[in-house]
C-alpha atoms as a PDB file:
ATOM      1  CA  MET A   1     -14.900 -21.830   1.884  1.00  0.00           C
ATOM      2  CA  THR A   2     -13.951 -18.604   0.121  1.00  0.00           C
ATOM      3  CA  GLN A   3     -15.863 -17.031  -2.701  1.00  0.00           C
ATOM      4  CA  LYS A   4     -14.485 -16.687  -6.198  1.00  0.00           C
ATOM      5  CA  PRO A   5     -12.998 -13.256  -6.885  1.00  0.00           C
ATOM      6  CA  MET A   6     -15.103 -10.723  -8.770  1.00  0.00           C
ATOM      7  CA  THR A   7     -14.221 -10.695 -12.461  1.00  0.00           C
ATOM      8  CA  LYS A   8     -13.567  -7.548 -14.458  1.00  0.00           C
ATOM      9  CA  THR A   9     -16.934  -7.949 -16.211  1.00  0.00           C
ATOM     10  CA  GLN A  10     -18.729  -8.181 -12.863  1.00  0.00           C
ATOM     11  CA  LEU A  11     -16.783  -5.194 -11.523  1.00  0.00           C
ATOM     12  CA  VAL A  12     -17.653  -3.092 -14.588  1.00  0.00           C
ATOM     13  CA  ALA A  13     -21.332  -4.059 -14.252  1.00  0.00           C
ATOM     14  CA  ALA A  14     -21.352  -3.163 -10.526  1.00  0.00           C
ATOM     15  CA  LEU A  15     -19.572   0.140 -11.205  1.00  0.00           C
ATOM     16  CA  ALA A  16     -22.056   0.999 -13.967  1.00  0.00           C
ATOM     17  CA  GLU A  17     -25.007   0.210 -11.704  1.00  0.00           C
ATOM     18  CA  ALA A  18     -23.591   2.157  -8.738  1.00  0.00           C
ATOM     19  CA  THR A  19     -22.834   5.281 -10.782  1.00  0.00           C
ATOM     20  CA  GLY A  20     -25.669   5.192 -13.307  1.00  0.00           C
ATOM     21  CA  MET A  21     -23.203   4.998 -16.219  1.00  0.00           C
ATOM     22  CA  ASP A  22     -23.455   2.626 -19.107  1.00  0.00           C
ATOM     23  CA  LYS A  23     -21.065  -0.349 -19.073  1.00  0.00           C
ATOM     24  CA  ALA A  24     -18.828   1.084 -21.814  1.00  0.00           C
ATOM     25  CA  SER A  25     -18.217   4.276 -19.802  1.00  0.00           C
ATOM     26  CA  ALA A  26     -17.638   2.285 -16.613  1.00  0.00           C
ATOM     27  CA  ASN A  27     -15.129   0.090 -18.445  1.00  0.00           C
ATOM     28  CA  THR A  28     -13.331   3.194 -19.762  1.00  0.00           C
ATOM     29  CA  CYS A  29     -13.151   4.658 -16.237  1.00  0.00           C
ATOM     30  CA  LEU A  30     -11.813   1.400 -14.780  1.00  0.00           C
ATOM     31  CA  GLN A  31      -9.198   1.117 -17.529  1.00  0.00           C
ATOM     32  CA  ALA A  32      -8.129   4.753 -17.027  1.00  0.00           C
ATOM     33  CA  LEU A  33      -7.738   4.203 -13.265  1.00  0.00           C
ATOM     34  CA  THR A  34      -5.705   1.051 -13.879  1.00  0.00           C
ATOM     35  CA  ASP A  35      -3.453   2.861 -16.381  1.00  0.00           C
ATOM     36  CA  ILE A  36      -2.875   5.826 -14.040  1.00  0.00           C
ATOM     37  CA  VAL A  37      -1.986   3.656 -11.041  1.00  0.00           C
ATOM     38  CA  THR A  38       0.259   1.401 -13.148  1.00  0.00           C
ATOM     39  CA  ARG A  39       2.123   4.313 -14.730  1.00  0.00           C
ATOM     40  CA  GLU A  40       2.664   6.125 -11.426  1.00  0.00           C
ATOM     41  CA  VAL A  41       3.866   3.038  -9.514  1.00  0.00           C
ATOM     42  CA  ALA A  42       6.107   1.909 -12.412  1.00  0.00           C
ATOM     43  CA  ASN A  43       7.762   5.351 -12.345  1.00  0.00           C
ATOM     44  CA  GLY A  44       8.611   4.883  -8.665  1.00  0.00           C
ATOM     45  CA  GLY A  45       5.705   6.883  -7.240  1.00  0.00           C
ATOM     46  CA  ALA A  46       2.817   6.004  -4.987  1.00  0.00           C
ATOM     47  CA  VAL A  47      -0.963   6.199  -5.324  1.00  0.00           C
ATOM     48  CA  THR A  48      -3.428   6.283  -2.446  1.00  0.00           C
ATOM     49  CA  LEU A  49      -6.995   5.187  -3.072  1.00  0.00           C
ATOM     50  CA  PRO A  50      -8.865   6.547  -0.025  1.00  0.00           C
ATOM     51  CA  GLY A  51     -10.626   3.806   1.892  1.00  0.00           C
ATOM     52  CA  LEU A  52      -8.855   1.037  -0.061  1.00  0.00           C
ATOM     53  CA  GLY A  53      -5.105   1.349   0.293  1.00  0.00           C
ATOM     54  CA  LYS A  54      -1.823   2.677  -0.966  1.00  0.00           C
ATOM     55  CA  PHE A  55       0.110   1.318  -3.954  1.00  0.00           C
ATOM     56  CA  VAL A  56       3.847   2.000  -3.902  1.00  0.00           C
ATOM     57  CA  CYS A  57       6.974   0.851  -5.739  1.00  0.00           C
ATOM     58  CA  ARG A  58       9.709  -0.459  -3.463  1.00  0.00           C
ATOM     59  CA  ASP A  59      13.350  -1.228  -4.271  1.00  0.00           C
ATOM     60  CA  ARG A  60      14.733  -4.543  -3.030  1.00  0.00           C
ATOM     61  CA  PRO A  61      18.500  -4.892  -2.641  1.00  0.00           C
ATOM     62  CA  ALA A  62      20.584  -7.673  -4.148  1.00  0.00           C
ATOM     63  CA  ARG A  63      20.581 -10.719  -1.893  1.00  0.00           C
ATOM     64  CA  MET A  64      21.319 -14.412  -1.560  1.00  0.00           C
ATOM     65  CA  VAL A  65      18.327 -16.713  -2.092  1.00  0.00           C
ATOM     66  CA  ARG A  66      17.882 -20.487  -1.825  1.00  0.00           C
ATOM     67  CA  ASN A  67      16.384 -22.746  -4.464  1.00  0.00           C
ATOM     68  CA  PRO A  68      13.815 -24.760  -2.446  1.00  0.00           C
ATOM     69  CA  ALA A  69      14.063 -27.773  -4.753  1.00  0.00           C
ATOM     70  CA  THR A  70      17.857 -28.197  -4.567  1.00  0.00           C
ATOM     71  CA  GLY A  71      18.838 -26.115  -1.547  1.00  0.00           C
ATOM     72  CA  GLU A  72      21.392 -24.328  -3.709  1.00  0.00           C
ATOM     73  CA  GLN A  73      22.267 -20.746  -2.715  1.00  0.00           C
ATOM     74  CA  MET A  74      22.306 -18.202  -5.534  1.00  0.00           C
ATOM     75  CA  HIS A  75      22.696 -14.471  -5.933  1.00  0.00           C
ATOM     76  CA  LYS A  76      19.587 -12.493  -6.903  1.00  0.00           C
ATOM     77  CA  GLU A  77      20.050  -9.062  -8.432  1.00  0.00           C
ATOM     78  CA  ALA A  78      18.373  -5.970  -7.016  1.00  0.00           C
ATOM     79  CA  ASP A  79      14.857  -5.434  -8.299  1.00  0.00           C
ATOM     80  CA  ARG A  80      11.690  -3.428  -7.736  1.00  0.00           C
ATOM     81  CA  VAL A  81       8.346  -4.677  -6.465  1.00  0.00           C
ATOM     82  CA  ALA A  82       4.875  -3.212  -6.140  1.00  0.00           C
ATOM     83  CA  LYS A  83       3.589  -3.127  -2.569  1.00  0.00           C
ATOM     84  CA  VAL A  84       0.005  -2.584  -1.422  1.00  0.00           C
ATOM     85  CA  THR A  85      -0.805  -1.348   2.071  1.00  0.00           C
ATOM     86  CA  ILE A  86      -4.442  -1.894   2.978  1.00  0.00           C
ATOM     87  CA  ALA A  87      -6.297   1.127   4.425  1.00  0.00           C
ATOM     88  CA  LYS A  88      -7.606   1.010   7.991  1.00  0.00           C
ATOM     89  CA  ALA A  89     -11.164   1.631   6.765  1.00  0.00           C
ATOM     90  CA  LEU A  90     -11.049  -1.546   4.641  1.00  0.00           C
ATOM     91  CA  LYS A  91      -9.501  -3.570   7.477  1.00  0.00           C
ATOM     92  CA  ASP A  92     -12.243  -2.394   9.824  1.00  0.00           C
ATOM     93  CA  ALA A  93     -14.958  -3.218   7.274  1.00  0.00           C
ATOM     94  CA  VAL A  94     -13.586  -6.733   6.795  1.00  0.00           C
ATOM     95  CA  ASN A  95     -13.291  -7.388  10.529  1.00  0.00           C
ATOM     96  CA  SER A  96     -16.706  -6.071  11.529  1.00  0.00           C
END
C-alpha cells in the first residue's frame, strides 16, 4: 500500500526544520521556486533541479484521437505539455 503524498503544509514544515528557517520564510521560498519554474516552463524553457529532475515544455503536434466511450475519431489541435524527466540520483535513491 502506498503512502499519502506529502502536503504543502508538511513540505513547508520539513523545509523550515531542515534549513532552520521559520515556516513563513520557508513558505515564501517554496512559492518563489514554484513561480520561477512555472514561468520558465510556460515560456517554453526548461529548469533543472539537480538531484530531482528536469522540467521542460514540449510541443505536441495536431493528431487524430479516439473517444474511448464512443470509439469516435476526432481531430485534436496542437498543444503544449509540461514534461518531467526524473534525475538519475533520484531513481537510484528510490531503487536502493
